[in-house]
Amino acid sequence: MKAVKYILIIVVLVIASVLLIAAFIPSEFGVTREVSINRSKVVVFEYVKLLKNQDNFSTWAMIDPNMEKTFSGVDGTVGFTSSWKSNHPDVGVGEKEITGMDDGKRIDYQLRFLEPFESTSSAYMIFNSVDSSKTIISWGFEGSMPYPSNLMLLFVDMEGELGGDLQSGLDNLKNILESN
């Protein structure tokens, strides 16, 4: 009986320790990548603002070219929504909505993932002119994990998980725009 009592005390202490550690871990994360494109900011912005064009360079869109896609609203304007449905576990089901646009400078998105897990995150693209024929575009992703799930951020490298996909997408975009 004493052994069971000690085991229960140890289990409670371990759980309490894990919860205490999670209380001191940030719950928010952000990942940003950028690329320089030899095209004017106007050309880059006009191409990228259309969510339908993002299928041409987004790494995630290329994982399952047969996913179901639906669109709502006027592409390239605030409120336009692109929805997807895929059986591929790395793609799942969700939607992306343009939530803000500072013409020629910035586009903000909300990503709503429905399957294989539910979450809502923000993404953005920022456009800066180097000169009249060169643009630096930054693509960022911001998210959060509520307590105590934020403990997973100790074990998941969000920079590594998302950064490579963002950079690959930007490199694809560079190739598309510089080859036209």
Protein backbone atom coordinates (compact mmCIF):
# COMPACT_ATOMS: atom_id res chain seq x y z
CA MET A 1 0.00 0.00 0.00
CA LYS A 2 2.90 2.37 0.79
CA ALA A 3 4.39 1.68 -2.66
CA VAL A 4 1.17 2.70 -4.38
CA LYS A 5 1.04 5.90 -2.32
CA TYR A 6 4.66 6.76 -3.30
CA ILE A 7 3.98 6.01 -6.97
CA LEU A 8 0.91 8.27 -6.92
CA ILE A 9 2.90 11.06 -5.26
CA ILE A 10 5.63 10.73 -7.90
CA VAL A 11 3.09 10.79 -10.74
CA VAL A 12 1.42 13.90 -9.29
CA LEU A 13 4.80 15.61 -8.89
CA VAL A 14 5.81 14.79 -12.47
CA ILE A 15 2.51 16.13 -13.85
CA ALA A 16 2.76 19.26 -11.69
CA SER A 17 6.35 19.81 -12.86
CA VAL A 18 5.37 19.53 -16.52
CA LEU A 19 2.50 21.98 -16.04
CA LEU A 20 4.77 24.38 -14.19
CA ILE A 21 7.38 24.26 -16.95
CA ALA A 22 4.66 24.90 -19.57
CA ALA A 23 3.62 28.02 -17.66
CA PHE A 24 7.03 29.62 -18.40
CA ILE A 25 7.28 28.65 -22.08
CA PRO A 26 6.14 31.21 -24.66
CA SER A 27 2.97 30.16 -26.43
CA GLU A 28 3.55 32.21 -29.57
CA PHE A 29 5.94 31.59 -32.44
CA GLY A 30 6.85 33.23 -35.72
CA VAL A 31 8.81 32.21 -38.78
CA THR A 32 9.89 34.55 -41.60
CA ARG A 33 11.83 34.02 -44.81
CA GLU A 34 12.67 36.39 -47.65
CA VAL A 35 13.95 36.40 -51.21
CA SER A 36 15.13 39.03 -53.66
CA ILE A 37 13.32 39.00 -57.02
CA ASN A 38 14.58 40.81 -60.11
CA ARG A 39 11.23 42.40 -60.90
CA SER A 40 9.57 45.64 -59.86
CA LYS A 41 7.55 45.75 -56.67
CA VAL A 42 4.39 46.42 -58.72
CA VAL A 43 4.87 43.24 -60.81
CA VAL A 44 5.63 41.10 -57.75
CA PHE A 45 2.73 42.49 -55.71
CA GLU A 46 0.18 42.19 -58.53
CA TYR A 47 1.11 38.53 -59.03
CA VAL A 48 1.22 37.54 -55.37
CA LYS A 49 -1.98 39.31 -54.29
CA LEU A 50 -4.00 36.75 -56.28
CA LEU A 51 -4.47 33.71 -54.03
CA LYS A 52 -5.06 31.55 -57.09
CA ASN A 53 -1.48 32.35 -58.21
CA GLN A 54 -0.13 31.08 -54.90
CA ASP A 55 -0.94 27.55 -56.08
CA ASN A 56 1.88 28.04 -58.61
CA PHE A 57 4.58 28.59 -55.99
CA SER A 58 3.34 27.40 -52.58
CA THR A 59 5.05 24.21 -51.43
CA TRP A 60 1.88 23.07 -49.68
CA ALA A 61 -0.23 23.42 -52.84
CA MET A 62 2.27 21.26 -54.72
CA ILE A 63 2.09 18.39 -52.21
CA ASP A 64 -1.35 17.38 -53.49
CA PRO A 65 -2.12 18.78 -56.95
CA ASN A 66 -5.44 16.86 -56.90
CA MET A 67 -6.86 18.55 -53.78
CA GLU A 68 -10.34 20.05 -54.04
CA LYS A 69 -10.23 23.86 -54.19
CA THR A 70 -13.05 26.35 -53.86
CA PHE A 71 -12.93 30.14 -53.93
CA SER A 72 -15.19 32.83 -52.55
CA GLY A 73 -15.14 36.55 -53.31
CA VAL A 74 -13.00 38.62 -55.65
CA ASP A 75 -9.41 37.33 -55.86
CA GLY A 76 -6.79 39.85 -54.80
CA THR A 77 -9.13 41.73 -52.46
CA VAL A 78 -9.78 41.67 -48.72
CA GLY A 79 -12.28 38.95 -47.90
CA PHE A 80 -11.32 36.61 -50.74
CA THR A 81 -11.13 33.06 -49.43
CA SER A 82 -9.43 30.01 -50.88
CA SER A 83 -10.51 26.68 -49.36
CA TRP A 84 -8.88 23.30 -49.81
CA LYS A 85 -9.64 19.69 -49.03
CA SER A 86 -7.04 16.96 -49.33
CA ASN A 87 -6.65 13.41 -48.10
CA HIS A 88 -2.89 13.99 -47.81
CA PRO A 89 -2.01 14.26 -44.08
CA ASP A 90 0.40 17.16 -44.68
CA VAL A 91 -2.29 19.21 -46.42
CA GLY A 92 -5.61 18.35 -44.76
CA VAL A 93 -8.63 20.65 -44.87
CA GLY A 94 -8.68 24.40 -44.35
CA GLU A 95 -9.00 27.85 -45.78
CA LYS A 96 -6.97 31.01 -46.30
CA GLU A 97 -8.55 34.46 -46.28
CA ILE A 98 -7.07 37.81 -47.26
CA THR A 99 -7.69 39.89 -44.14
CA GLY A 100 -5.73 43.03 -44.92
CA MET A 101 -3.95 44.71 -47.78
CA ASP A 102 -1.76 47.78 -47.94
CA ASP A 103 -1.56 48.12 -51.73
CA GLY A 104 1.94 47.40 -52.98
CA LYS A 105 3.36 46.96 -49.48
CA ARG A 106 1.75 44.20 -47.46
CA ILE A 107 -0.87 41.44 -47.54
CA ASP A 108 -2.24 39.79 -44.38
CA TYR A 109 -3.92 36.40 -44.29
CA GLN A 110 -5.76 34.26 -41.81
CA LEU A 111 -5.22 30.51 -42.10
CA ARG A 112 -7.89 28.29 -40.64
CA PHE A 113 -6.88 24.65 -40.45
CA LEU A 114 -9.77 22.25 -39.89
CA GLU A 115 -8.17 18.81 -40.38
CA PRO A 116 -6.07 16.94 -39.30
CA PHE A 117 -6.16 19.44 -36.40
CA GLU A 118 -8.01 22.68 -35.75
CA SER A 119 -6.07 25.90 -35.44
CA THR A 120 -6.04 29.46 -36.67
CA SER A 121 -2.86 31.29 -37.58
CA SER A 122 -1.80 34.45 -39.33
CA ALA A 123 0.50 34.88 -42.29
CA TYR A 124 1.74 37.90 -44.18
CA MET A 125 3.82 38.99 -47.14
CA ILE A 126 5.78 42.25 -47.14
CA PHE A 127 7.12 43.86 -50.34
CA ASN A 128 10.10 46.24 -50.36
CA SER A 129 11.76 47.86 -53.39
CA VAL A 130 15.52 47.66 -53.60
CA ASP A 131 15.35 49.70 -56.80
CA SER A 132 12.97 50.01 -59.77
CA SER A 133 13.65 46.44 -60.93
CA LYS A 134 14.36 44.53 -57.72
CA THR A 135 12.04 43.59 -54.87
CA ILE A 136 12.60 41.86 -51.54
CA ILE A 137 9.57 39.89 -50.43
CA SER A 138 9.23 38.56 -46.90
CA TRP A 139 6.81 35.74 -46.10
CA GLY A 140 5.93 35.23 -42.47
CA PHE A 141 3.80 32.87 -40.43
CA GLU A 142 2.67 33.49 -36.86
CA GLY A 143 0.89 31.12 -34.55
CA SER A 144 0.32 30.14 -30.98
CA MET A 145 -0.16 27.04 -28.93
CA PRO A 146 -2.33 27.40 -25.85
CA TYR A 147 -1.18 26.28 -22.41
CA PRO A 148 -0.26 23.46 -21.77
CA SER A 149 0.13 22.48 -25.45
CA ASN A 150 2.83 25.13 -25.72
CA LEU A 151 5.13 22.60 -24.06
CA MET A 152 5.44 21.01 -27.51
CA LEU A 153 7.35 24.10 -28.68
CA LEU A 154 10.32 22.73 -26.70
CA PHE A 155 10.36 19.69 -28.97
CA VAL A 156 9.11 21.02 -32.32
CA ASP A 157 11.44 23.24 -34.31
CA MET A 158 8.94 25.61 -35.96
CA GLU A 159 11.78 27.38 -37.80
CA GLY A 160 12.82 24.06 -39.28
CA GLU A 161 9.28 22.80 -39.86
CA LEU A 162 7.92 25.91 -41.59
CA GLY A 163 10.99 27.87 -42.63
CA GLY A 164 12.05 25.44 -45.33
CA ASP A 165 8.57 25.41 -46.86
CA LEU A 166 8.35 29.21 -46.84
CA GLN A 167 11.79 29.51 -48.44
CA SER A 168 10.99 26.88 -51.05
CA GLY A 169 7.79 28.73 -51.95
CA LEU A 170 9.66 32.03 -52.25
CA ASP A 171 12.34 30.40 -54.42
CA ASN A 172 9.56 28.99 -56.65
CA LEU A 173 8.02 32.47 -56.87
CA LYS A 174 11.38 33.96 -57.82
CA ASN A 175 11.82 31.40 -60.60
CA ILE A 176 8.32 32.05 -61.97
CA LEU A 177 8.60 35.83 -61.99
CA GLU A 178 12.17 36.01 -63.26
CA SER A 179 11.52 33.56 -66.12
CA ASN A 180 8.66 35.68 -67.58
